[in-house]
Amino acid sequence: MKTHITLAALALSGASFANLATFDDLSLAPGSYENTASFASDGFGFNNSYDPTFGSWAAFAYSSVQDGTTAGFGNQYAAKPGAAHSGANYGVAFQDSFTPVTPTITVPTGQSLTGLWITNTTYAYYSMHDGDAFAKKFGGATGNDPDWFKVTATGLVGLTITGTADFFLADFRDADNSNDYIVSDWRYFDLTGLGAATSVQFTLSSSDNGAFGMNTPAYFAIDDVSSVPEPASLAIIGFGLVGLARRRSRRA
């Protein structure tokens, strides 16, 4: 009896561990990236749309590029901090207005997403910081324009929304310009408010828009995506453990 109960207890203990997608279980050469297919990391699913004819992509890629200083589209796979939050690899999301796909994370079965680390890509950062041929310098010439760049995470179970959460990757709305910022380091994005979502979609929005949609480069980088077991999953295991103990007691 002790052996069976001990094994069940170990199962309950193991189920209480958080999942953590570091992207380091994905094979990448240093300074490279992969953008051609959907992929999984540590139990989480990440979608991707790739067009081999044009070499274009949308949704999620993963990268080991370490370049936080080179501006422009050619550096679209780099996180602004110049390295992953941990390890060597990280994820890069791109929302393409011409591709009918939304960056989406599928949560491991029986788990609830708790959060992730997020930052700007180098491309998006310098576009907002300096302006470029397509997008404005945030704050404008005077620094007074109330510009912003935001990620919205939407939790879903099927088509039912479980919650939403916003994270500003740049915010110039404060009346005091000294409080304006463009994120250049890794910051934590708390997603506990999404509840027991089985998938999470990410959409980007900006104050800088034109005739063809958002002018700000529609990218962000993520790392160390975490989840914990849903209470219901732990309860099922716990009830199983109690039931096993009772059956063994009756046989004794």
C-alpha atoms as a PDB file:
ATOM      1  CA  MET A   1       0.000   0.000   0.000  1.00  0.00           C
ATOM      2  CA  LYS A   2       2.783   2.397   0.913  1.00  0.00           C
ATOM      3  CA  THR A   3       4.422   1.923  -2.475  1.00  0.00           C
ATOM      4  CA  HIS A   4       1.261   2.765  -4.431  1.00  0.00           C
ATOM      5  CA  ILE A   5       0.420   5.770  -2.286  1.00  0.00           C
ATOM      6  CA  THR A   6       3.979   7.048  -2.530  1.00  0.00           C
ATOM      7  CA  LEU A   7       3.880   6.799  -6.332  1.00  0.00           C
ATOM      8  CA  ALA A   8       0.565   8.650  -6.402  1.00  0.00           C
ATOM      9  CA  ALA A   9       1.951  11.337  -4.133  1.00  0.00           C
ATOM     10  CA  LEU A  10       4.920  11.723  -6.450  1.00  0.00           C
ATOM     11  CA  ALA A  11       2.530  12.103  -9.372  1.00  0.00           C
ATOM     12  CA  LEU A  12       0.650  14.845  -7.510  1.00  0.00           C
ATOM     13  CA  SER A  13       3.937  16.548  -6.650  1.00  0.00           C
ATOM     14  CA  GLY A  14       5.103  16.374 -10.256  1.00  0.00           C
ATOM     15  CA  ALA A  15       1.816  17.808 -11.528  1.00  0.00           C
ATOM     16  CA  SER A  16       2.323  20.849  -9.323  1.00  0.00           C
ATOM     17  CA  PHE A  17       5.412  21.924 -11.240  1.00  0.00           C
ATOM     18  CA  ALA A  18       5.127  24.851 -13.653  1.00  0.00           C
ATOM     19  CA  ASN A  19       5.844  24.434 -17.350  1.00  0.00           C
ATOM     20  CA  LEU A  20       8.460  26.810 -18.756  1.00  0.00           C
ATOM     21  CA  ALA A  21       9.053  27.337 -22.473  1.00  0.00           C
ATOM     22  CA  THR A  22      12.612  28.641 -22.791  1.00  0.00           C
ATOM     23  CA  PHE A  23      12.948  27.879 -26.541  1.00  0.00           C
ATOM     24  CA  ASP A  24      16.310  26.304 -25.702  1.00  0.00           C
ATOM     25  CA  ASP A  25      14.963  22.828 -26.464  1.00  0.00           C
ATOM     26  CA  LEU A  26      14.874  23.971 -30.114  1.00  0.00           C
ATOM     27  CA  SER A  27      18.046  23.474 -32.130  1.00  0.00           C
ATOM     28  CA  LEU A  28      19.524  26.662 -33.570  1.00  0.00           C
ATOM     29  CA  ALA A  29      23.002  27.698 -34.637  1.00  0.00           C
ATOM     30  CA  PRO A  30      24.244  30.834 -32.861  1.00  0.00           C
ATOM     31  CA  GLY A  31      23.012  34.022 -34.524  1.00  0.00           C
ATOM     32  CA  SER A  32      20.333  32.263 -36.585  1.00  0.00           C
ATOM     33  CA  TYR A  33      16.546  31.915 -36.687  1.00  0.00           C
ATOM     34  CA  GLU A  34      13.760  29.591 -37.880  1.00  0.00           C
ATOM     35  CA  ASN A  35      10.597  31.069 -39.398  1.00  0.00           C
ATOM     36  CA  THR A  36       9.188  28.386 -41.742  1.00  0.00           C
ATOM     37  CA  ALA A  37       6.797  26.288 -39.622  1.00  0.00           C
ATOM     38  CA  SER A  38       4.751  26.060 -36.451  1.00  0.00           C
ATOM     39  CA  PHE A  39       6.674  24.590 -33.520  1.00  0.00           C
ATOM     40  CA  ALA A  40       6.459  23.448 -29.910  1.00  0.00           C
ATOM     41  CA  SER A  41       8.679  24.249 -26.941  1.00  0.00           C
ATOM     42  CA  ASP A  42       8.361  22.547 -23.561  1.00  0.00           C
ATOM     43  CA  GLY A  43       4.713  21.639 -24.169  1.00  0.00           C
ATOM     44  CA  PHE A  44       3.572  25.016 -25.556  1.00  0.00           C
ATOM     45  CA  GLY A  45       2.524  25.334 -29.203  1.00  0.00           C
ATOM     46  CA  PHE A  46       3.433  28.343 -31.362  1.00  0.00           C
ATOM     47  CA  ASN A  47       1.763  28.903 -34.724  1.00  0.00           C
ATOM     48  CA  ASN A  48       3.417  30.073 -37.919  1.00  0.00           C
ATOM     49  CA  SER A  49       2.461  30.920 -41.500  1.00  0.00           C
ATOM     50  CA  TYR A  50       5.177  30.777 -44.153  1.00  0.00           C
ATOM     51  CA  ASP A  51       5.051  31.470 -47.894  1.00  0.00           C
ATOM     52  CA  PRO A  52       8.008  29.780 -49.611  1.00  0.00           C
ATOM     53  CA  THR A  53       7.328  31.672 -52.851  1.00  0.00           C
ATOM     54  CA  PHE A  54       8.142  35.019 -51.304  1.00  0.00           C
ATOM     55  CA  GLY A  55       9.951  33.859 -48.164  1.00  0.00           C
ATOM     56  CA  SER A  56       7.416  35.781 -46.076  1.00  0.00           C
ATOM     57  CA  TRP A  57       6.159  34.695 -42.674  1.00  0.00           C
ATOM     58  CA  ALA A  58       3.818  35.654 -39.843  1.00  0.00           C
ATOM     59  CA  ALA A  59       2.912  34.652 -36.274  1.00  0.00           C
ATOM     60  CA  PHE A  60       5.885  33.058 -34.445  1.00  0.00           C
ATOM     61  CA  ALA A  61       9.526  32.323 -35.241  1.00  0.00           C
ATOM     62  CA  TYR A  62      12.378  31.491 -32.882  1.00  0.00           C
ATOM     63  CA  SER A  63      15.780  33.112 -32.852  1.00  0.00           C
ATOM     64  CA  SER A  64      19.254  33.171 -31.340  1.00  0.00           C
ATOM     65  CA  VAL A  65      20.243  36.475 -32.986  1.00  0.00           C
ATOM     66  CA  GLN A  66      22.143  38.791 -30.631  1.00  0.00           C
ATOM     67  CA  ASP A  67      22.033  42.269 -32.141  1.00  0.00           C
ATOM     68  CA  GLY A  68      20.516  45.083 -30.132  1.00  0.00           C
ATOM     69  CA  THR A  69      22.045  47.930 -32.136  1.00  0.00           C
ATOM     70  CA  THR A  70      21.350  47.469 -35.858  1.00  0.00           C
ATOM     71  CA  ALA A  71      18.240  49.331 -37.026  1.00  0.00           C
ATOM     72  CA  GLY A  72      16.034  48.317 -39.924  1.00  0.00           C
ATOM     73  CA  PHE A  73      13.975  45.464 -41.361  1.00  0.00           C
ATOM     74  CA  GLY A  74      17.077  43.349 -42.006  1.00  0.00           C
ATOM     75  CA  ASN A  75      17.367  42.860 -38.246  1.00  0.00           C
ATOM     76  CA  GLN A  76      13.749  41.772 -37.664  1.00  0.00           C
ATOM     77  CA  TYR A  77      14.688  38.610 -35.700  1.00  0.00           C
ATOM     78  CA  ALA A  78      16.674  40.368 -32.959  1.00  0.00           C
ATOM     79  CA  ALA A  79      15.444  41.244 -29.460  1.00  0.00           C
ATOM     80  CA  LYS A  80      16.465  44.756 -28.386  1.00  0.00           C
ATOM     81  CA  PRO A  81      18.273  43.603 -25.193  1.00  0.00           C
ATOM     82  CA  GLY A  82      20.780  41.849 -27.482  1.00  0.00           C
ATOM     83  CA  ALA A  83      20.238  38.404 -25.941  1.00  0.00           C
ATOM     84  CA  ALA A  84      17.554  36.026 -24.676  1.00  0.00           C
ATOM     85  CA  HIS A  85      16.042  36.532 -21.230  1.00  0.00           C
ATOM     86  CA  SER A  86      17.616  33.181 -20.326  1.00  0.00           C
ATOM     87  CA  GLY A  87      19.645  30.678 -22.307  1.00  0.00           C
ATOM     88  CA  ALA A  88      20.347  31.280 -25.991  1.00  0.00           C
ATOM     89  CA  ASN A  89      16.990  31.236 -27.821  1.00  0.00           C
ATOM     90  CA  TYR A  90      13.771  33.244 -27.669  1.00  0.00           C
ATOM     91  CA  GLY A  91      10.562  33.698 -29.655  1.00  0.00           C
ATOM     92  CA  VAL A  92       9.756  36.476 -32.131  1.00  0.00           C
ATOM     93  CA  ALA A  93       6.183  37.375 -33.063  1.00  0.00           C
ATOM     94  CA  PHE A  94       5.102  39.207 -36.216  1.00  0.00           C
ATOM     95  CA  GLN A  95       1.543  40.343 -36.937  1.00  0.00           C
ATOM     96  CA  ASP A  96       1.195  40.676 -40.711  1.00  0.00           C
ATOM     97  CA  SER A  97      -1.907  42.616 -41.748  1.00  0.00           C
ATOM     98  CA  PHE A  98      -1.846  40.873 -45.151  1.00  0.00           C
ATOM     99  CA  THR A  99      -1.688  37.337 -43.705  1.00  0.00           C
ATOM    100  CA  PRO A 100      -4.856  35.987 -42.057  1.00  0.00           C
ATOM    101  CA  VAL A 101      -3.063  34.531 -39.041  1.00  0.00           C
ATOM    102  CA  THR A 102      -2.745  35.839 -35.481  1.00  0.00           C
ATOM    103  CA  PRO A 103       0.245  34.955 -33.271  1.00  0.00           C
ATOM    104  CA  THR A 104      -1.161  32.277 -30.959  1.00  0.00           C
ATOM    105  CA  ILE A 105       0.240  30.187 -28.111  1.00  0.00           C
ATOM    106  CA  THR A 106      -1.438  26.868 -27.321  1.00  0.00           C
ATOM    107  CA  VAL A 107      -1.263  26.104 -23.594  1.00  0.00           C
ATOM    108  CA  PRO A 108      -0.310  22.587 -22.391  1.00  0.00           C
ATOM    109  CA  THR A 109      -3.342  20.463 -21.465  1.00  0.00           C
ATOM    110  CA  GLY A 110      -4.398  20.909 -17.853  1.00  0.00           C
ATOM    111  CA  GLN A 111      -2.290  24.047 -17.415  1.00  0.00           C
ATOM    112  CA  SER A 112      -3.043  27.776 -17.085  1.00  0.00           C
ATOM    113  CA  LEU A 113      -0.712  30.364 -18.581  1.00  0.00           C
ATOM    114  CA  THR A 114       0.768  32.592 -15.878  1.00  0.00           C
ATOM    115  CA  GLY A 115       2.988  34.945 -17.861  1.00  0.00           C
ATOM    116  CA  LEU A 116       6.005  35.494 -20.054  1.00  0.00           C
ATOM    117  CA  TRP A 117       8.935  37.840 -20.526  1.00  0.00           C
ATOM    118  CA  ILE A 118       8.513  40.340 -23.333  1.00  0.00           C
ATOM    119  CA  THR A 119      10.468  43.081 -25.091  1.00  0.00           C
ATOM    120  CA  ASN A 120      10.690  44.997 -28.350  1.00  0.00           C
ATOM    121  CA  THR A 121      12.590  43.737 -31.335  1.00  0.00           C
ATOM    122  CA  THR A 122      15.544  45.880 -32.347  1.00  0.00           C
ATOM    123  CA  TYR A 123      13.745  46.757 -35.599  1.00  0.00           C
ATOM    124  CA  ALA A 124      10.615  48.044 -33.846  1.00  0.00           C
ATOM    125  CA  TYR A 125      12.604  49.830 -31.146  1.00  0.00           C
ATOM    126  CA  TYR A 126      14.674  51.980 -33.503  1.00  0.00           C
ATOM    127  CA  SER A 127      11.696  52.648 -35.769  1.00  0.00           C
ATOM    128  CA  MET A 128       9.880  54.204 -32.807  1.00  0.00           C
ATOM    129  CA  HIS A 129      13.007  55.851 -31.375  1.00  0.00           C
ATOM    130  CA  ASP A 130      14.224  57.494 -34.585  1.00  0.00           C
ATOM    131  CA  GLY A 131      11.434  57.135 -37.136  1.00  0.00           C
ATOM    132  CA  ASP A 132      12.006  55.621 -40.587  1.00  0.00           C
ATOM    133  CA  ALA A 133      10.612  55.684 -44.139  1.00  0.00           C
ATOM    134  CA  PHE A 134       7.324  54.126 -42.999  1.00  0.00           C
ATOM    135  CA  ALA A 135       6.827  55.088 -39.352  1.00  0.00           C
ATOM    136  CA  LYS A 136       7.132  58.217 -37.246  1.00  0.00           C
ATOM    137  CA  LYS A 137       9.500  59.007 -34.414  1.00  0.00           C
ATOM    138  CA  PHE A 138       7.480  58.527 -31.258  1.00  0.00           C
ATOM    139  CA  GLY A 139       6.733  61.792 -29.502  1.00  0.00           C
ATOM    140  CA  GLY A 140       7.158  63.702 -32.768  1.00  0.00           C
ATOM    141  CA  ALA A 141       9.536  66.600 -33.286  1.00  0.00           C
ATOM    142  CA  THR A 142       8.600  68.201 -29.963  1.00  0.00           C
ATOM    143  CA  GLY A 143       8.376  65.002 -27.949  1.00  0.00           C
ATOM    144  CA  ASN A 144       4.804  65.913 -27.013  1.00  0.00           C
ATOM    145  CA  ASP A 145       2.856  63.555 -29.297  1.00  0.00           C
ATOM    146  CA  PRO A 146       1.017  60.990 -27.114  1.00  0.00           C
ATOM    147  CA  ASP A 147       2.222  57.937 -29.024  1.00  0.00           C
ATOM    148  CA  TRP A 148       1.946  54.336 -27.864  1.00  0.00           C
ATOM    149  CA  PHE A 149       2.564  50.742 -29.005  1.00  0.00           C
ATOM    150  CA  LYS A 150       0.664  47.940 -27.301  1.00  0.00           C
ATOM    151  CA  VAL A 151       0.348  44.138 -27.201  1.00  0.00           C
ATOM    152  CA  THR A 152      -3.058  42.719 -26.247  1.00  0.00           C
ATOM    153  CA  ALA A 153      -3.236  39.099 -25.097  1.00  0.00           C
ATOM    154  CA  THR A 154      -6.652  37.427 -25.421  1.00  0.00           C
ATOM    155  CA  GLY A 155      -7.298  34.141 -23.625  1.00  0.00           C
ATOM    156  CA  LEU A 156      -9.621  31.666 -25.338  1.00  0.00           C
ATOM    157  CA  VAL A 157     -11.338  28.361 -24.695  1.00  0.00           C
ATOM    158  CA  GLY A 158     -12.614  27.536 -28.157  1.00  0.00           C
ATOM    159  CA  LEU A 159     -14.263  30.780 -29.252  1.00  0.00           C
ATOM    160  CA  THR A 160     -15.049  31.923 -25.702  1.00  0.00           C
ATOM    161  CA  ILE A 161     -12.877  34.750 -24.356  1.00  0.00           C
ATOM    162  CA  THR A 162     -11.584  34.057 -20.832  1.00  0.00           C
ATOM    163  CA  GLY A 163      -9.905  37.445 -20.358  1.00  0.00           C
ATOM    164  CA  THR A 164      -7.597  40.035 -21.887  1.00  0.00           C
ATOM    165  CA  ALA A 165      -4.378  41.749 -20.794  1.00  0.00           C
ATOM    166  CA  ASP A 166      -2.440  44.688 -22.255  1.00  0.00           C
ATOM    167  CA  PHE A 167       1.262  45.442 -22.255  1.00  0.00           C
ATOM    168  CA  PHE A 168       2.668  48.734 -23.558  1.00  0.00           C
ATOM    169  CA  LEU A 169       5.933  48.286 -25.446  1.00  0.00           C
ATOM    170  CA  ALA A 170       6.112  52.087 -25.764  1.00  0.00           C
ATOM    171  CA  ASP A 171       4.109  54.810 -24.050  1.00  0.00           C
ATOM    172  CA  PHE A 172       4.400  58.565 -24.580  1.00  0.00           C
ATOM    173  CA  ARG A 173       0.953  59.517 -23.243  1.00  0.00           C
ATOM    174  CA  ASP A 174       2.074  61.035 -19.940  1.00  0.00           C
ATOM    175  CA  ALA A 175       1.950  64.826 -19.722  1.00  0.00           C
ATOM    176  CA  ASP A 176       5.459  64.676 -18.246  1.00  0.00           C
ATOM    177  CA  ASN A 177       7.766  63.716 -21.133  1.00  0.00           C
ATOM    178  CA  SER A 178      10.355  62.356 -18.707  1.00  0.00           C
ATOM    179  CA  ASN A 179       7.988  59.428 -18.135  1.00  0.00           C
ATOM    180  CA  ASP A 180       7.887  58.471 -21.819  1.00  0.00           C
ATOM    181  CA  TYR A 181       9.519  55.149 -22.677  1.00  0.00           C
ATOM    182  CA  ILE A 182      10.214  52.532 -25.317  1.00  0.00           C
ATOM    183  CA  VAL A 183      10.926  49.131 -23.772  1.00  0.00           C
ATOM    184  CA  SER A 184      14.506  48.027 -24.375  1.00  0.00           C
ATOM    185  CA  ASP A 185      14.902  45.338 -21.693  1.00  0.00           C
ATOM    186  CA  TRP A 186      13.057  42.142 -20.801  1.00  0.00           C
ATOM    187  CA  ARG A 187       9.942  42.781 -18.716  1.00  0.00           C
ATOM    188  CA  TYR A 188       7.393  40.430 -17.202  1.00  0.00           C
ATOM    189  CA  PHE A 189       3.907  40.278 -18.749  1.00  0.00           C
ATOM    190  CA  ASP A 190       1.477  38.884 -16.162  1.00  0.00           C
ATOM    191  CA  LEU A 191      -1.203  36.723 -17.831  1.00  0.00           C
ATOM    192  CA  THR A 192      -2.878  35.193 -14.777  1.00  0.00           C
ATOM    193  CA  GLY A 193      -5.992  37.227 -15.573  1.00  0.00           C
ATOM    194  CA  LEU A 194      -6.630  35.057 -18.636  1.00  0.00           C
ATOM    195  CA  GLY A 195      -7.747  32.203 -16.387  1.00  0.00           C
ATOM    196  CA  ALA A 196      -7.931  28.669 -17.770  1.00  0.00           C
ATOM    197  CA  ALA A 197      -7.413  29.687 -21.402  1.00  0.00           C
ATOM    198  CA  THR A 198      -6.392  26.839 -23.698  1.00  0.00           C
ATOM    199  CA  SER A 199      -4.910  29.265 -26.211  1.00  0.00           C
ATOM    200  CA  VAL A 200      -3.774  32.894 -26.165  1.00  0.00           C
ATOM    201  CA  GLN A 201      -3.825  35.221 -29.167  1.00  0.00           C
ATOM    202  CA  PHE A 202      -1.628  38.317 -29.392  1.00  0.00           C
ATOM    203  CA  THR A 203      -2.560  41.441 -31.340  1.00  0.00           C
ATOM    204  CA  LEU A 204      -0.615  44.649 -31.761  1.00  0.00           C
ATOM    205  CA  SER A 205      -1.906  48.210 -31.986  1.00  0.00           C
ATOM    206  CA  SER A 206      -0.292  51.635 -32.225  1.00  0.00           C
ATOM    207  CA  SER A 207      -1.058  55.329 -32.313  1.00  0.00           C
ATOM    208  CA  ASP A 208       0.823  55.510 -35.638  1.00  0.00           C
ATOM    209  CA  ASN A 209      -1.463  54.303 -38.431  1.00  0.00           C
ATOM    210  CA  GLY A 210      -1.866  54.984 -42.144  1.00  0.00           C
ATOM    211  CA  ALA A 211      -3.912  53.988 -45.163  1.00  0.00           C
ATOM    212  CA  PHE A 212      -2.619  50.402 -45.029  1.00  0.00           C
ATOM    213  CA  GLY A 213      -2.909  49.931 -41.277  1.00  0.00           C
ATOM    214  CA  MET A 214      -0.338  50.228 -38.508  1.00  0.00           C
ATOM    215  CA  ASN A 215       2.924  51.975 -39.449  1.00  0.00           C
ATOM    216  CA  THR A 216       4.904  50.808 -36.402  1.00  0.00           C
ATOM    217  CA  PRO A 217       6.708  47.512 -37.179  1.00  0.00           C
ATOM    218  CA  ALA A 218       4.382  44.817 -35.808  1.00  0.00           C
ATOM    219  CA  TYR A 219       6.926  42.742 -33.893  1.00  0.00           C
ATOM    220  CA  PHE A 220       7.755  41.747 -30.333  1.00  0.00           C
ATOM    221  CA  ALA A 221       9.985  39.151 -28.671  1.00  0.00           C
ATOM    222  CA  ILE A 222       9.144  36.714 -25.857  1.00  0.00           C
ATOM    223  CA  ASP A 223      10.959  34.250 -23.616  1.00  0.00           C
ATOM    224  CA  ASP A 224      10.376  31.989 -20.599  1.00  0.00           C
ATOM    225  CA  VAL A 225       6.644  31.405 -21.121  1.00  0.00           C
ATOM    226  CA  SER A 226       5.254  29.846 -17.931  1.00  0.00           C
ATOM    227  CA  SER A 227       2.163  27.943 -16.818  1.00  0.00           C
ATOM    228  CA  VAL A 228       0.918  26.090 -13.743  1.00  0.00           C
ATOM    229  CA  PRO A 229      -1.564  23.223 -13.348  1.00  0.00           C
ATOM    230  CA  GLU A 230      -5.227  24.196 -13.310  1.00  0.00           C
ATOM    231  CA  PRO A 231      -6.873  23.667  -9.897  1.00  0.00           C
ATOM    232  CA  ALA A 232      -9.231  21.106 -11.457  1.00  0.00           C
ATOM    233  CA  SER A 233      -6.289  19.027 -12.688  1.00  0.00           C
ATOM    234  CA  LEU A 234      -4.727  18.966  -9.227  1.00  0.00           C
ATOM    235  CA  ALA A 235      -8.089  18.104  -7.677  1.00  0.00           C
ATOM    236  CA  ILE A 236      -8.536  15.089  -9.960  1.00  0.00           C
ATOM    237  CA  ILE A 237      -5.116  13.752  -9.000  1.00  0.00           C
ATOM    238  CA  GLY A 238      -5.780  14.466  -5.334  1.00  0.00           C
ATOM    239  CA  PHE A 239      -9.125  12.648  -5.379  1.00  0.00           C
ATOM    240  CA  GLY A 240      -7.438   9.709  -7.064  1.00  0.00           C
ATOM    241  CA  LEU A 241      -4.849   9.593  -4.300  1.00  0.00           C
ATOM    242  CA  VAL A 242      -7.533   9.645  -1.588  1.00  0.00           C
ATOM    243  CA  GLY A 243      -9.501   6.927  -3.351  1.00  0.00           C
ATOM    244  CA  LEU A 244      -6.440   4.713  -3.645  1.00  0.00           C
ATOM    245  CA  ALA A 245      -5.724   5.092   0.063  1.00  0.00           C
ATOM    246  CA  ARG A 246      -9.286   4.151   0.964  1.00  0.00           C
ATOM    247  CA  ARG A 247      -9.295   1.055  -1.242  1.00  0.00           C
ATOM    248  CA  ARG A 248      -6.018  -0.109   0.251  1.00  0.00           C
ATOM    249  CA  SER A 249      -7.327   0.496   3.775  1.00  0.00           C
ATOM    250  CA  ARG A 250     -10.384  -1.690   3.138  1.00  0.00           C
ATOM    251  CA  ARG A 251      -8.224  -4.546   1.869  1.00  0.00           C
ATOM    252  CA  ALA A 252      -5.891  -4.412   4.874  1.00  0.00           C
END
